Amino acid sequence: MQASLNIIVTYEQLKDMMSAGSVQLFDVREPDELEAGFIPGAINIPLGDVEQALRLSPDQFRERYGVTKPHRDDSDFVLYCQRGIRSLTALETARALGYTRARHYAGGFNEWHEREDL
C-alpha cells in the first residue's frame, strides 16, 4: 500500500481529533514498549494481534480490550507505533479486513513524545 494523504493522520489532526473526542486510537507496539510512554487514550493491540482482534465479534472485542470495536466505515480509527512502520503494516491488515477508512499516525510515538515535550 502506498502512503497517501488519506491514510495518514498528522500530529495536528490527531490533537484535534483527541480534543473533539472523535478518535479510536490503537497502539500496535509491544507491551514492554509502553513503559517509555504512550499517547493518552490509546489501547494497546500489538501488531501480531491486530488481525485476530479485528476478527473478534463486537462483544469479544469489548471484553478483551475494554472499548467498542471500530466499525468498518469509521474514519476515526487510527493506528500508531513508534515510528509509523508497524502502524502502516497494521493499517494494511485493517484495510484488507474491510476497515477501508482506517488511518495511521505516521509520526508515531517518537513524534508525539518530541512534540509534547515529554
N, C-alpha and C. Protein backbone atom coordinates (compact mmCIF):
# COMPACT_ATOMS: atom_id res chain seq x y z
N MET A 1 0.86 -1.18 0.00
CA MET A 1 0.00 0.00 0.00
C MET A 1 0.89 1.23 0.00
N GLN A 2 0.69 2.11 -0.89
CA GLN A 2 1.46 3.34 -0.91
C GLN A 2 0.85 4.32 0.07
N ALA A 3 1.75 5.02 0.76
CA ALA A 3 1.27 6.03 1.70
C ALA A 3 0.67 7.18 0.92
N SER A 4 -0.55 7.49 1.21
CA SER A 4 -1.20 8.64 0.59
C SER A 4 -1.83 9.46 1.70
N LEU A 5 -2.15 10.69 1.39
CA LEU A 5 -2.63 11.60 2.42
C LEU A 5 -3.90 11.12 3.10
N ASN A 6 -4.73 10.36 2.41
CA ASN A 6 -5.99 9.96 3.02
C ASN A 6 -5.83 8.84 4.05
N ILE A 7 -4.64 8.26 4.16
CA ILE A 7 -4.43 7.22 5.18
C ILE A 7 -3.60 7.73 6.34
N ILE A 8 -3.06 8.92 6.21
CA ILE A 8 -2.16 9.46 7.23
C ILE A 8 -2.89 10.51 8.08
N VAL A 9 -2.68 10.41 9.38
CA VAL A 9 -3.14 11.42 10.32
C VAL A 9 -1.90 12.15 10.81
N THR A 10 -1.90 13.46 10.73
CA THR A 10 -0.77 14.25 11.21
C THR A 10 -0.92 14.49 12.72
N TYR A 11 0.13 14.98 13.31
CA TYR A 11 0.11 15.33 14.73
C TYR A 11 -1.04 16.31 15.02
N GLU A 12 -1.13 17.33 14.20
CA GLU A 12 -2.18 18.35 14.41
C GLU A 12 -3.58 17.76 14.27
N GLN A 13 -3.77 16.91 13.27
CA GLN A 13 -5.07 16.26 13.10
C GLN A 13 -5.40 15.38 14.29
N LEU A 14 -4.41 14.62 14.76
CA LEU A 14 -4.64 13.75 15.91
C LEU A 14 -5.00 14.56 17.14
N LYS A 15 -4.30 15.65 17.38
CA LYS A 15 -4.62 16.52 18.52
C LYS A 15 -6.05 17.03 18.42
N ASP A 16 -6.46 17.46 17.22
CA ASP A 16 -7.83 17.94 17.02
C ASP A 16 -8.84 16.83 17.28
N MET A 17 -8.55 15.64 16.76
CA MET A 17 -9.47 14.51 16.96
C MET A 17 -9.58 14.16 18.44
N MET A 18 -8.45 14.22 19.15
CA MET A 18 -8.47 13.91 20.58
C MET A 18 -9.26 14.97 21.35
N SER A 19 -9.06 16.22 20.99
CA SER A 19 -9.79 17.31 21.66
C SER A 19 -11.29 17.18 21.46
N ALA A 20 -11.68 16.74 20.27
CA ALA A 20 -13.10 16.57 19.95
C ALA A 20 -13.66 15.25 20.48
N GLY A 21 -12.79 14.39 20.99
CA GLY A 21 -13.24 13.08 21.47
C GLY A 21 -13.69 12.18 20.35
N SER A 22 -13.11 12.40 19.16
CA SER A 22 -13.58 11.66 17.99
C SER A 22 -12.50 10.75 17.42
N VAL A 23 -11.79 10.03 18.28
CA VAL A 23 -10.76 9.13 17.78
C VAL A 23 -10.78 7.82 18.55
N GLN A 24 -10.60 6.73 17.83
CA GLN A 24 -10.35 5.42 18.43
C GLN A 24 -8.90 5.13 18.10
N LEU A 25 -8.03 5.26 19.09
CA LEU A 25 -6.59 5.22 18.88
C LEU A 25 -6.02 3.90 19.40
N PHE A 26 -5.30 3.20 18.52
CA PHE A 26 -4.74 1.90 18.87
C PHE A 26 -3.23 1.91 18.66
N ASP A 27 -2.51 1.53 19.71
CA ASP A 27 -1.06 1.46 19.73
C ASP A 27 -0.66 0.02 19.39
N VAL A 28 0.06 -0.17 18.29
CA VAL A 28 0.40 -1.53 17.86
C VAL A 28 1.80 -1.96 18.29
N ARG A 29 2.41 -1.21 19.21
CA ARG A 29 3.71 -1.61 19.75
C ARG A 29 3.53 -2.78 20.73
N GLU A 30 4.65 -3.40 21.06
CA GLU A 30 4.64 -4.48 22.04
C GLU A 30 4.43 -3.90 23.44
N PRO A 31 3.79 -4.67 24.34
CA PRO A 31 3.50 -4.15 25.68
C PRO A 31 4.71 -3.58 26.41
N ASP A 32 5.88 -4.18 26.29
CA ASP A 32 7.06 -3.66 27.01
C ASP A 32 7.49 -2.29 26.49
N GLU A 33 7.13 -1.95 25.26
CA GLU A 33 7.47 -0.65 24.71
C GLU A 33 6.65 0.47 25.35
N LEU A 34 5.53 0.12 25.96
CA LEU A 34 4.66 1.12 26.56
C LEU A 34 5.28 1.74 27.81
N GLU A 35 6.31 1.08 28.36
CA GLU A 35 6.99 1.62 29.53
C GLU A 35 7.59 2.99 29.24
N ALA A 36 7.96 3.23 27.98
CA ALA A 36 8.52 4.52 27.57
C ALA A 36 7.43 5.58 27.44
N GLY A 37 6.18 5.16 27.48
CA GLY A 37 5.06 6.08 27.36
C GLY A 37 4.14 5.70 26.22
N PHE A 38 3.00 6.36 26.19
CA PHE A 38 2.00 6.11 25.15
C PHE A 38 1.14 7.35 25.00
N ILE A 39 0.42 7.41 23.93
CA ILE A 39 -0.47 8.54 23.69
C ILE A 39 -1.73 8.34 24.54
N PRO A 40 -2.13 9.35 25.32
CA PRO A 40 -3.29 9.20 26.19
C PRO A 40 -4.53 8.70 25.45
N GLY A 41 -5.20 7.74 26.06
CA GLY A 41 -6.43 7.20 25.49
C GLY A 41 -6.22 6.05 24.54
N ALA A 42 -4.96 5.73 24.21
CA ALA A 42 -4.69 4.65 23.27
C ALA A 42 -4.89 3.29 23.92
N ILE A 43 -5.33 2.34 23.11
CA ILE A 43 -5.49 0.95 23.52
C ILE A 43 -4.39 0.15 22.83
N ASN A 44 -3.71 -0.68 23.59
CA ASN A 44 -2.62 -1.47 23.03
C ASN A 44 -3.13 -2.77 22.41
N ILE A 45 -2.88 -2.92 21.12
CA ILE A 45 -3.11 -4.16 20.39
C ILE A 45 -1.83 -4.40 19.60
N PRO A 46 -0.92 -5.24 20.10
CA PRO A 46 0.34 -5.46 19.38
C PRO A 46 0.10 -5.88 17.93
N LEU A 47 1.03 -5.48 17.08
CA LEU A 47 0.90 -5.73 15.65
C LEU A 47 0.51 -7.17 15.34
N GLY A 48 1.13 -8.13 16.00
CA GLY A 48 0.85 -9.53 15.74
C GLY A 48 -0.56 -9.96 16.12
N ASP A 49 -1.28 -9.11 16.87
CA ASP A 49 -2.64 -9.43 17.32
C ASP A 49 -3.72 -8.67 16.56
N VAL A 50 -3.32 -7.75 15.71
CA VAL A 50 -4.29 -6.86 15.05
C VAL A 50 -5.31 -7.64 14.23
N GLU A 51 -4.87 -8.56 13.40
CA GLU A 51 -5.82 -9.29 12.56
C GLU A 51 -6.81 -10.06 13.41
N GLN A 52 -6.32 -10.79 14.40
CA GLN A 52 -7.21 -11.57 15.27
C GLN A 52 -8.18 -10.63 16.00
N ALA A 53 -7.68 -9.51 16.49
CA ALA A 53 -8.52 -8.56 17.22
C ALA A 53 -9.66 -8.04 16.34
N LEU A 54 -9.34 -7.70 15.11
CA LEU A 54 -10.36 -7.14 14.22
C LEU A 54 -11.34 -8.20 13.71
N ARG A 55 -11.02 -9.45 13.91
CA ARG A 55 -11.94 -10.53 13.55
C ARG A 55 -12.86 -10.91 14.70
N LEU A 56 -12.61 -10.37 15.89
CA LEU A 56 -13.47 -10.66 17.04
C LEU A 56 -14.85 -10.04 16.83
N SER A 57 -15.83 -10.64 17.47
CA SER A 57 -17.16 -10.02 17.47
C SER A 57 -17.07 -8.74 18.31
N PRO A 58 -18.03 -7.83 18.14
CA PRO A 58 -18.01 -6.61 18.96
C PRO A 58 -17.99 -6.91 20.47
N ASP A 59 -18.75 -7.92 20.90
CA ASP A 59 -18.76 -8.27 22.33
C ASP A 59 -17.42 -8.81 22.79
N GLN A 60 -16.80 -9.67 21.98
CA GLN A 60 -15.50 -10.23 22.33
C GLN A 60 -14.44 -9.12 22.37
N PHE A 61 -14.51 -8.20 21.43
CA PHE A 61 -13.55 -7.10 21.37
C PHE A 61 -13.67 -6.25 22.63
N ARG A 62 -14.90 -5.91 23.00
CA ARG A 62 -15.12 -5.09 24.21
C ARG A 62 -14.62 -5.82 25.45
N GLU A 63 -14.88 -7.12 25.52
CA GLU A 63 -14.44 -7.91 26.68
C GLU A 63 -12.91 -7.94 26.77
N ARG A 64 -12.25 -8.10 25.64
CA ARG A 64 -10.78 -8.21 25.64
C ARG A 64 -10.09 -6.87 25.82
N TYR A 65 -10.60 -5.82 25.16
CA TYR A 65 -9.89 -4.54 25.15
C TYR A 65 -10.57 -3.43 25.93
N GLY A 66 -11.80 -3.65 26.37
CA GLY A 66 -12.48 -2.67 27.21
C GLY A 66 -13.04 -1.47 26.47
N VAL A 67 -13.08 -1.54 25.14
CA VAL A 67 -13.61 -0.44 24.33
C VAL A 67 -14.47 -1.00 23.20
N THR A 68 -15.24 -0.12 22.60
CA THR A 68 -16.07 -0.50 21.46
C THR A 68 -15.19 -0.83 20.26
N LYS A 69 -15.51 -1.89 19.57
CA LYS A 69 -14.78 -2.27 18.36
C LYS A 69 -15.07 -1.23 17.28
N PRO A 70 -14.04 -0.80 16.55
CA PRO A 70 -14.29 0.15 15.46
C PRO A 70 -15.22 -0.46 14.41
N HIS A 71 -16.03 0.41 13.79
CA HIS A 71 -16.86 -0.03 12.68
C HIS A 71 -16.02 0.02 11.40
N ARG A 72 -16.40 -0.77 10.45
CA ARG A 72 -15.61 -0.84 9.21
C ARG A 72 -15.56 0.48 8.46
N ASP A 73 -16.53 1.35 8.66
CA ASP A 73 -16.52 2.62 7.92
C ASP A 73 -16.09 3.81 8.77
N ASP A 74 -15.52 3.54 9.94
CA ASP A 74 -15.07 4.63 10.82
C ASP A 74 -13.80 5.28 10.29
N SER A 75 -13.82 6.59 10.16
CA SER A 75 -12.61 7.31 9.76
C SER A 75 -11.84 7.82 10.98
N ASP A 76 -12.40 7.56 12.17
CA ASP A 76 -11.72 7.96 13.40
C ASP A 76 -10.91 6.81 14.00
N PHE A 77 -10.74 5.73 13.26
CA PHE A 77 -9.98 4.55 13.67
C PHE A 77 -8.53 4.80 13.24
N VAL A 78 -7.65 5.05 14.24
CA VAL A 78 -6.27 5.43 13.96
C VAL A 78 -5.32 4.48 14.69
N LEU A 79 -4.31 4.03 13.95
CA LEU A 79 -3.28 3.14 14.48
C LEU A 79 -1.96 3.89 14.55
N TYR A 80 -1.15 3.56 15.54
CA TYR A 80 0.19 4.15 15.60
C TYR A 80 1.15 3.17 16.25
N CYS A 81 2.45 3.44 16.05
CA CYS A 81 3.51 2.65 16.68
C CYS A 81 4.61 3.61 17.10
N GLN A 82 5.85 3.17 17.04
CA GLN A 82 6.95 4.04 17.44
C GLN A 82 7.29 5.07 16.37
N ARG A 83 7.41 4.60 15.11
CA ARG A 83 7.85 5.49 14.03
C ARG A 83 6.97 5.43 12.79
N GLY A 84 5.88 4.69 12.80
CA GLY A 84 4.97 4.66 11.66
C GLY A 84 5.13 3.47 10.74
N ILE A 85 6.10 2.61 11.00
CA ILE A 85 6.33 1.46 10.13
C ILE A 85 5.35 0.33 10.45
N ARG A 86 5.28 -0.05 11.71
CA ARG A 86 4.35 -1.12 12.10
C ARG A 86 2.90 -0.69 11.97
N SER A 87 2.63 0.59 12.23
CA SER A 87 1.24 1.04 12.09
C SER A 87 0.79 1.00 10.64
N LEU A 88 1.71 1.21 9.70
CA LEU A 88 1.35 1.09 8.29
C LEU A 88 1.03 -0.37 7.96
N THR A 89 1.79 -1.30 8.52
CA THR A 89 1.50 -2.73 8.33
C THR A 89 0.15 -3.08 8.94
N ALA A 90 -0.12 -2.56 10.14
CA ALA A 90 -1.41 -2.80 10.80
C ALA A 90 -2.54 -2.20 9.97
N LEU A 91 -2.30 -1.04 9.39
CA LEU A 91 -3.30 -0.40 8.54
C LEU A 91 -3.60 -1.26 7.32
N GLU A 92 -2.58 -1.82 6.71
CA GLU A 92 -2.79 -2.71 5.56
C GLU A 92 -3.67 -3.89 5.97
N THR A 93 -3.42 -4.45 7.15
CA THR A 93 -4.23 -5.55 7.66
C THR A 93 -5.67 -5.10 7.87
N ALA A 94 -5.85 -3.96 8.53
CA ALA A 94 -7.19 -3.45 8.80
C ALA A 94 -7.96 -3.19 7.50
N ARG A 95 -7.30 -2.58 6.55
CA ARG A 95 -7.97 -2.29 5.27
C ARG A 95 -8.32 -3.57 4.53
N ALA A 96 -7.45 -4.57 4.60
CA ALA A 96 -7.74 -5.86 3.95
C ALA A 96 -8.96 -6.54 4.58
N LEU A 97 -9.22 -6.23 5.85
CA LEU A 97 -10.37 -6.80 6.55
C LEU A 97 -11.62 -5.94 6.41
N GLY A 98 -11.55 -4.91 5.58
CA GLY A 98 -12.74 -4.11 5.31
C GLY A 98 -12.81 -2.78 6.02
N TYR A 99 -11.79 -2.43 6.81
CA TYR A 99 -11.77 -1.15 7.52
C TYR A 99 -11.17 -0.12 6.56
N THR A 100 -11.93 0.22 5.55
CA THR A 100 -11.43 0.98 4.41
C THR A 100 -11.13 2.44 4.72
N ARG A 101 -11.61 2.94 5.84
CA ARG A 101 -11.36 4.34 6.18
C ARG A 101 -10.39 4.49 7.35
N ALA A 102 -9.85 3.36 7.82
CA ALA A 102 -8.86 3.40 8.91
C ALA A 102 -7.64 4.19 8.44
N ARG A 103 -6.93 4.79 9.40
CA ARG A 103 -5.76 5.60 9.07
C ARG A 103 -4.65 5.32 10.09
N HIS A 104 -3.48 5.87 9.82
CA HIS A 104 -2.40 5.72 10.80
C HIS A 104 -1.69 7.04 11.03
N TYR A 105 -1.19 7.17 12.25
CA TYR A 105 -0.42 8.34 12.65
C TYR A 105 1.04 8.02 12.32
N ALA A 106 1.48 8.53 11.18
CA ALA A 106 2.80 8.18 10.65
C ALA A 106 3.95 8.65 11.53
N GLY A 107 3.76 9.72 12.27
CA GLY A 107 4.84 10.21 13.14
C GLY A 107 5.08 9.32 14.34
N GLY A 108 4.07 8.57 14.71
CA GLY A 108 4.18 7.62 15.81
C GLY A 108 4.51 8.26 17.15
N PHE A 109 4.83 7.38 18.10
CA PHE A 109 5.11 7.86 19.44
C PHE A 109 6.36 8.74 19.47
N ASN A 110 7.31 8.49 18.60
CA ASN A 110 8.51 9.33 18.57
C ASN A 110 8.14 10.80 18.36
N GLU A 111 7.31 11.07 17.34
CA GLU A 111 6.91 12.45 17.08
C GLU A 111 6.06 12.99 18.23
N TRP A 112 5.13 12.18 18.71
CA TRP A 112 4.26 12.61 19.81
C TRP A 112 5.11 13.02 21.02
N HIS A 113 6.05 12.17 21.37
CA HIS A 113 6.92 12.42 22.53
C HIS A 113 7.70 13.73 22.35
N GLU A 114 8.23 13.92 21.16
CA GLU A 114 9.01 15.13 20.86
C GLU A 114 8.13 16.37 20.88
N ARG A 115 6.98 16.30 20.27
CA ARG A 115 6.11 17.48 20.16
C ARG A 115 5.42 17.82 21.48
N GLU A 116 5.19 16.82 22.30
CA GLU A 116 4.53 17.05 23.59
C GLU A 116 5.52 17.40 24.69
N ASP A 117 6.81 17.37 24.37
CA ASP A 117 7.87 17.70 25.34
C ASP A 117 7.83 16.79 26.56
N LEU A 118 7.69 15.50 26.33
CA LEU A 118 7.62 14.55 27.44
C LEU A 118 9.00 14.13 27.88
